[in-house]
Amino acid sequence: MGGKTLLSGVTTYISPELKVELEAWAQEEERSVSWLLAKLIENKLQERRQKSSPAKNAIN
């Protein structure tokens, strides 16, 4: 394992309470906090794309 990755890094700051909650969630899922956040971001972007797609298609 290890080596170079094709992923880009992003840094953000959250409250200690949110961090504790995310760590607990990630541990329940047997995943890292980083993996969990990547999936949450991916899911929200997918939702956003689906909401904006019909509007774009209506214009074309």
PDB file of N, CA and C in Angstrom:
ATOM      1  N   MET A   1       0.843  -1.178   0.000  1.00  0.00           N
ATOM      2  CA  MET A   1       0.000   0.000   0.000  1.00  0.00           C
ATOM      3  C   MET A   1       0.888   1.241   0.000  1.00  0.00           C
ATOM      4  N   GLY A   2       0.306   2.387  -0.027  1.00  0.00           N
ATOM      5  CA  GLY A   2       1.073   3.625  -0.013  1.00  0.00           C
ATOM      6  C   GLY A   2       1.417   4.062  -1.422  1.00  0.00           C
ATOM      7  N   GLY A   3       2.269   5.044  -1.514  1.00  0.00           N
ATOM      8  CA  GLY A   3       2.656   5.531  -2.825  1.00  0.00           C
ATOM      9  C   GLY A   3       1.916   6.798  -3.180  1.00  0.00           C
ATOM     10  N   LYS A   4       2.072   7.201  -4.427  1.00  0.00           N
ATOM     11  CA  LYS A   4       1.442   8.431  -4.895  1.00  0.00           C
ATOM     12  C   LYS A   4      -0.045   8.237  -5.112  1.00  0.00           C
ATOM     13  N   THR A   5      -0.784   9.313  -4.948  1.00  0.00           N
ATOM     14  CA  THR A   5      -2.232   9.277  -5.145  1.00  0.00           C
ATOM     15  C   THR A   5      -2.624  10.330  -6.172  1.00  0.00           C
ATOM     16  N   LEU A   6      -3.723  10.094  -6.837  1.00  0.00           N
ATOM     17  CA  LEU A   6      -4.233  11.053  -7.813  1.00  0.00           C
ATOM     18  C   LEU A   6      -5.253  11.991  -7.175  1.00  0.00           C
ATOM     19  N   LEU A   7      -5.409  11.904  -5.867  1.00  0.00           N
ATOM     20  CA  LEU A   7      -6.392  12.724  -5.169  1.00  0.00           C
ATOM     21  C   LEU A   7      -5.785  14.054  -4.754  1.00  0.00           C
ATOM     22  N   SER A   8      -6.626  15.085  -4.684  1.00  0.00           N
ATOM     23  CA  SER A   8      -6.198  16.395  -4.219  1.00  0.00           C
ATOM     24  C   SER A   8      -6.616  16.580  -2.776  1.00  0.00           C
ATOM     25  N   GLY A   9      -5.820  17.296  -2.026  1.00  0.00           N
ATOM     26  CA  GLY A   9      -6.122  17.551  -0.619  1.00  0.00           C
ATOM     27  C   GLY A   9      -6.890  18.853  -0.443  1.00  0.00           C
ATOM     28  N   VAL A  10      -7.713  18.873   0.588  1.00  0.00           N
ATOM     29  CA  VAL A  10      -8.465  20.065   0.961  1.00  0.00           C
ATOM     30  C   VAL A  10      -8.369  20.200   2.480  1.00  0.00           C
ATOM     31  N   THR A  11      -8.175  21.402   2.965  1.00  0.00           N
ATOM     32  CA  THR A  11      -8.099  21.628   4.401  1.00  0.00           C
ATOM     33  C   THR A  11      -9.282  22.467   4.844  1.00  0.00           C
ATOM     34  N   THR A  12      -9.883  22.086   5.957  1.00  0.00           N
ATOM     35  CA  THR A  12     -10.970  22.864   6.526  1.00  0.00           C
ATOM     36  C   THR A  12     -10.861  22.831   8.042  1.00  0.00           C
ATOM     37  N   TYR A  13     -11.552  23.723   8.693  1.00  0.00           N
ATOM     38  CA  TYR A  13     -11.531  23.792  10.147  1.00  0.00           C
ATOM     39  C   TYR A  13     -12.942  23.623  10.664  1.00  0.00           C
ATOM     40  N   ILE A  14     -13.098  22.755  11.655  1.00  0.00           N
ATOM     41  CA  ILE A  14     -14.399  22.499  12.263  1.00  0.00           C
ATOM     42  C   ILE A  14     -14.256  22.555  13.778  1.00  0.00           C
ATOM     43  N   SER A  15     -15.381  22.637  14.450  1.00  0.00           N
ATOM     44  CA  SER A  15     -15.353  22.680  15.909  1.00  0.00           C
ATOM     45  C   SER A  15     -14.888  21.333  16.464  1.00  0.00           C
ATOM     46  N   PRO A  16     -14.320  21.354  17.651  1.00  0.00           N
ATOM     47  CA  PRO A  16     -13.902  20.094  18.282  1.00  0.00           C
ATOM     48  C   PRO A  16     -15.067  19.117  18.451  1.00  0.00           C
ATOM     49  N   GLU A  17     -16.258  19.633  18.692  1.00  0.00           N
ATOM     50  CA  GLU A  17     -17.435  18.778  18.863  1.00  0.00           C
ATOM     51  C   GLU A  17     -17.761  18.029  17.566  1.00  0.00           C
ATOM     52  N   LEU A  18     -17.708  18.737  16.445  1.00  0.00           N
ATOM     53  CA  LEU A  18     -17.956  18.083  15.162  1.00  0.00           C
ATOM     54  C   LEU A  18     -16.888  17.034  14.862  1.00  0.00           C
ATOM     55  N   LYS A  19     -15.649  17.351  15.201  1.00  0.00           N
ATOM     56  CA  LYS A  19     -14.560  16.406  14.956  1.00  0.00           C
ATOM     57  C   LYS A  19     -14.770  15.123  15.746  1.00  0.00           C
ATOM     58  N   VAL A  20     -15.154  15.245  17.000  1.00  0.00           N
ATOM     59  CA  VAL A  20     -15.404  14.066  17.833  1.00  0.00           C
ATOM     60  C   VAL A  20     -16.532  13.234  17.237  1.00  0.00           C
ATOM     61  N   GLU A  21     -17.589  13.905  16.797  1.00  0.00           N
ATOM     62  CA  GLU A  21     -18.727  13.195  16.206  1.00  0.00           C
ATOM     63  C   GLU A  21     -18.327  12.484  14.909  1.00  0.00           C
ATOM     64  N   LEU A  22     -17.555  13.158  14.073  1.00  0.00           N
ATOM     65  CA  LEU A  22     -17.090  12.541  12.828  1.00  0.00           C
ATOM     66  C   LEU A  22     -16.170  11.356  13.095  1.00  0.00           C
ATOM     67  N   GLU A  23     -15.306  11.488  14.086  1.00  0.00           N
ATOM     68  CA  GLU A  23     -14.404  10.382  14.425  1.00  0.00           C
ATOM     69  C   GLU A  23     -15.181   9.162  14.903  1.00  0.00           C
ATOM     70  N   ALA A  24     -16.212   9.388  15.704  1.00  0.00           N
ATOM     71  CA  ALA A  24     -17.039   8.281  16.188  1.00  0.00           C
ATOM     72  C   ALA A  24     -17.758   7.611  15.023  1.00  0.00           C
ATOM     73  N   TRP A  25     -18.311   8.421  14.125  1.00  0.00           N
ATOM     74  CA  TRP A  25     -19.015   7.898  12.949  1.00  0.00           C
ATOM     75  C   TRP A  25     -18.069   7.073  12.080  1.00  0.00           C
ATOM     76  N   ALA A  26     -16.891   7.628  11.825  1.00  0.00           N
ATOM     77  CA  ALA A  26     -15.904   6.938  10.996  1.00  0.00           C
ATOM     78  C   ALA A  26     -15.499   5.608  11.640  1.00  0.00           C
ATOM     79  N   GLN A  27     -15.338   5.609  12.947  1.00  0.00           N
ATOM     80  CA  GLN A  27     -14.961   4.377  13.639  1.00  0.00           C
ATOM     81  C   GLN A  27     -16.074   3.329  13.526  1.00  0.00           C
ATOM     82  N   GLU A  28     -17.324   3.762  13.643  1.00  0.00           N
ATOM     83  CA  GLU A  28     -18.463   2.844  13.478  1.00  0.00           C
ATOM     84  C   GLU A  28     -18.468   2.213  12.087  1.00  0.00           C
ATOM     85  N   GLU A  29     -18.094   2.999  11.087  1.00  0.00           N
ATOM     86  CA  GLU A  29     -18.066   2.530   9.702  1.00  0.00           C
ATOM     87  C   GLU A  29     -16.763   1.800   9.349  1.00  0.00           C
ATOM     88  N   GLU A  30     -15.832   1.759  10.321  1.00  0.00           N
ATOM     89  CA  GLU A  30     -14.499   1.184  10.101  1.00  0.00           C
ATOM     90  C   GLU A  30     -13.795   1.847   8.919  1.00  0.00           C
ATOM     91  N   ARG A  31     -13.897   3.155   8.883  1.00  0.00           N
ATOM     92  CA  ARG A  31     -13.287   3.978   7.843  1.00  0.00           C
ATOM     93  C   ARG A  31     -12.552   5.138   8.500  1.00  0.00           C
ATOM     94  N   SER A  32     -11.783   5.864   7.711  1.00  0.00           N
ATOM     95  CA  SER A  32     -11.118   7.056   8.227  1.00  0.00           C
ATOM     96  C   SER A  32     -12.068   8.249   8.121  1.00  0.00           C
ATOM     97  N   VAL A  33     -11.775   9.276   8.887  1.00  0.00           N
ATOM     98  CA  VAL A  33     -12.558  10.512   8.797  1.00  0.00           C
ATOM     99  C   VAL A  33     -12.421  11.087   7.395  1.00  0.00           C
ATOM    100  N   SER A  34     -11.232  11.001   6.844  1.00  0.00           N
ATOM    101  CA  SER A  34     -10.993  11.510   5.492  1.00  0.00           C
ATOM    102  C   SER A  34     -11.892  10.810   4.473  1.00  0.00           C
ATOM    103  N   TRP A  35     -11.987   9.476   4.561  1.00  0.00           N
ATOM    104  CA  TRP A  35     -12.844   8.713   3.646  1.00  0.00           C
ATOM    105  C   TRP A  35     -14.297   9.124   3.815  1.00  0.00           C
ATOM    106  N   LEU A  36     -14.732   9.244   5.069  1.00  0.00           N
ATOM    107  CA  LEU A  36     -16.114   9.622   5.355  1.00  0.00           C
ATOM    108  C   LEU A  36     -16.442  10.994   4.764  1.00  0.00           C
ATOM    109  N   LEU A  37     -15.560  11.954   4.972  1.00  0.00           N
ATOM    110  CA  LEU A  37     -15.793  13.301   4.433  1.00  0.00           C
ATOM    111  C   LEU A  37     -15.790  13.306   2.907  1.00  0.00           C
ATOM    112  N   ALA A  38     -14.904  12.530   2.304  1.00  0.00           N
ATOM    113  CA  ALA A  38     -14.878  12.445   0.835  1.00  0.00           C
ATOM    114  C   ALA A  38     -16.206  11.915   0.315  1.00  0.00           C
ATOM    115  N   LYS A  39     -16.763  10.888   0.979  1.00  0.00           N
ATOM    116  CA  LYS A  39     -18.049  10.324   0.560  1.00  0.00           C
ATOM    117  C   LYS A  39     -19.188  11.317   0.766  1.00  0.00           C
ATOM    118  N   LEU A  40     -19.174  12.038   1.874  1.00  0.00           N
ATOM    119  CA  LEU A  40     -20.213  13.045   2.124  1.00  0.00           C
ATOM    120  C   LEU A  40     -20.172  14.143   1.055  1.00  0.00           C
ATOM    121  N   ILE A  41     -18.990  14.601   0.728  1.00  0.00           N
ATOM    122  CA  ILE A  41     -18.831  15.631  -0.298  1.00  0.00           C
ATOM    123  C   ILE A  41     -19.286  15.101  -1.652  1.00  0.00           C
ATOM    124  N   GLU A  42     -18.875  13.890  -1.975  1.00  0.00           N
ATOM    125  CA  GLU A  42     -19.261  13.265  -3.246  1.00  0.00           C
ATOM    126  C   GLU A  42     -20.787  13.163  -3.362  1.00  0.00           C
ATOM    127  N   ASN A  43     -21.443  12.717  -2.292  1.00  0.00           N
ATOM    128  CA  ASN A  43     -22.902  12.580  -2.299  1.00  0.00           C
ATOM    129  C   ASN A  43     -23.605  13.924  -2.463  1.00  0.00           C
ATOM    130  N   LYS A  44     -23.137  14.946  -1.768  1.00  0.00           N
ATOM    131  CA  LYS A  44     -23.763  16.276  -1.888  1.00  0.00           C
ATOM    132  C   LYS A  44     -23.545  16.869  -3.280  1.00  0.00           C
ATOM    133  N   LEU A  45     -22.376  16.666  -3.850  1.00  0.00           N
ATOM    134  CA  LEU A  45     -22.138  17.163  -5.213  1.00  0.00           C
ATOM    135  C   LEU A  45     -23.010  16.437  -6.221  1.00  0.00           C
ATOM    136  N   GLN A  46     -23.212  15.154  -6.018  1.00  0.00           N
ATOM    137  CA  GLN A  46     -24.096  14.380  -6.897  1.00  0.00           C
ATOM    138  C   GLN A  46     -25.527  14.926  -6.810  1.00  0.00           C
ATOM    139  N   GLU A  47     -25.995  15.182  -5.586  1.00  0.00           N
ATOM    140  CA  GLU A  47     -27.332  15.773  -5.404  1.00  0.00           C
ATOM    141  C   GLU A  47     -27.426  17.115  -6.116  1.00  0.00           C
ATOM    142  N   ARG A  48     -26.392  17.920  -5.974  1.00  0.00           N
ATOM    143  CA  ARG A  48     -26.376  19.254  -6.595  1.00  0.00           C
ATOM    144  C   ARG A  48     -26.442  19.152  -8.117  1.00  0.00           C
ATOM    145  N   ARG A  49     -25.666  18.215  -8.662  1.00  0.00           N
ATOM    146  CA  ARG A  49     -25.679  18.014 -10.115  1.00  0.00           C
ATOM    147  C   ARG A  49     -27.057  17.581 -10.604  1.00  0.00           C
ATOM    148  N   GLN A  50     -27.701  16.695  -9.874  1.00  0.00           N
ATOM    149  CA  GLN A  50     -29.021  16.210 -10.267  1.00  0.00           C
ATOM    150  C   GLN A  50     -30.056  17.327 -10.210  1.00  0.00           C
ATOM    151  N   LYS A  51     -29.935  18.212  -9.230  1.00  0.00           N
ATOM    152  CA  LYS A  51     -30.869  19.335  -9.123  1.00  0.00           C
ATOM    153  C   LYS A  51     -30.654  20.356 -10.235  1.00  0.00           C
ATOM    154  N   SER A  52     -29.398  20.566 -10.612  1.00  0.00           N
ATOM    155  CA  SER A  52     -29.118  21.590 -11.624  1.00  0.00           C
ATOM    156  C   SER A  52     -29.250  21.056 -13.045  1.00  0.00           C
ATOM    157  N   SER A  53     -29.167  19.771 -13.252  1.00  0.00           N
ATOM    158  CA  SER A  53     -29.274  19.207 -14.595  1.00  0.00           C
ATOM    159  C   SER A  53     -30.590  19.520 -15.293  1.00  0.00           C
ATOM    160  N   PRO A  54     -31.747  19.310 -14.638  1.00  0.00           N
ATOM    161  CA  PRO A  54     -33.001  19.636 -15.331  1.00  0.00           C
ATOM    162  C   PRO A  54     -33.094  21.110 -15.730  1.00  0.00           C
ATOM    163  N   ALA A  55     -32.578  22.004 -14.912  1.00  0.00           N
ATOM    164  CA  ALA A  55     -32.621  23.432 -15.225  1.00  0.00           C
ATOM    165  C   ALA A  55     -31.755  23.719 -16.466  1.00  0.00           C
ATOM    166  N   LYS A  56     -30.593  23.108 -16.538  1.00  0.00           N
ATOM    167  CA  LYS A  56     -29.702  23.312 -17.693  1.00  0.00           C
ATOM    168  C   LYS A  56     -30.333  22.729 -18.951  1.00  0.00           C
ATOM    169  N   ASN A  57     -30.955  21.558 -18.813  1.00  0.00           N
ATOM    170  CA  ASN A  57     -31.583  20.916 -19.973  1.00  0.00           C
ATOM    171  C   ASN A  57     -32.773  21.739 -20.478  1.00  0.00           C
ATOM    172  N   ALA A  58     -33.493  22.407 -19.594  1.00  0.00           N
ATOM    173  CA  ALA A  58     -34.640  23.202 -19.989  1.00  0.00           C
ATOM    174  C   ALA A  58     -34.206  24.413 -20.829  1.00  0.00           C
ATOM    175  N   ILE A  59     -33.025  24.924 -20.546  1.00  0.00           N
ATOM    176  CA  ILE A  59     -32.524  26.100 -21.274  1.00  0.00           C
ATOM    177  C   ILE A  59     -32.090  25.700 -22.672  1.00  0.00           C
ATOM    178  N   ASN A  60     -31.500  24.521 -22.827  1.00  0.00           N
ATOM    179  CA  ASN A  60     -30.968  24.097 -24.133  1.00  0.00           C
ATOM    180  C   ASN A  60     -32.043  23.657 -25.049  1.00  0.00           C
TER     181      ASN A  60
END
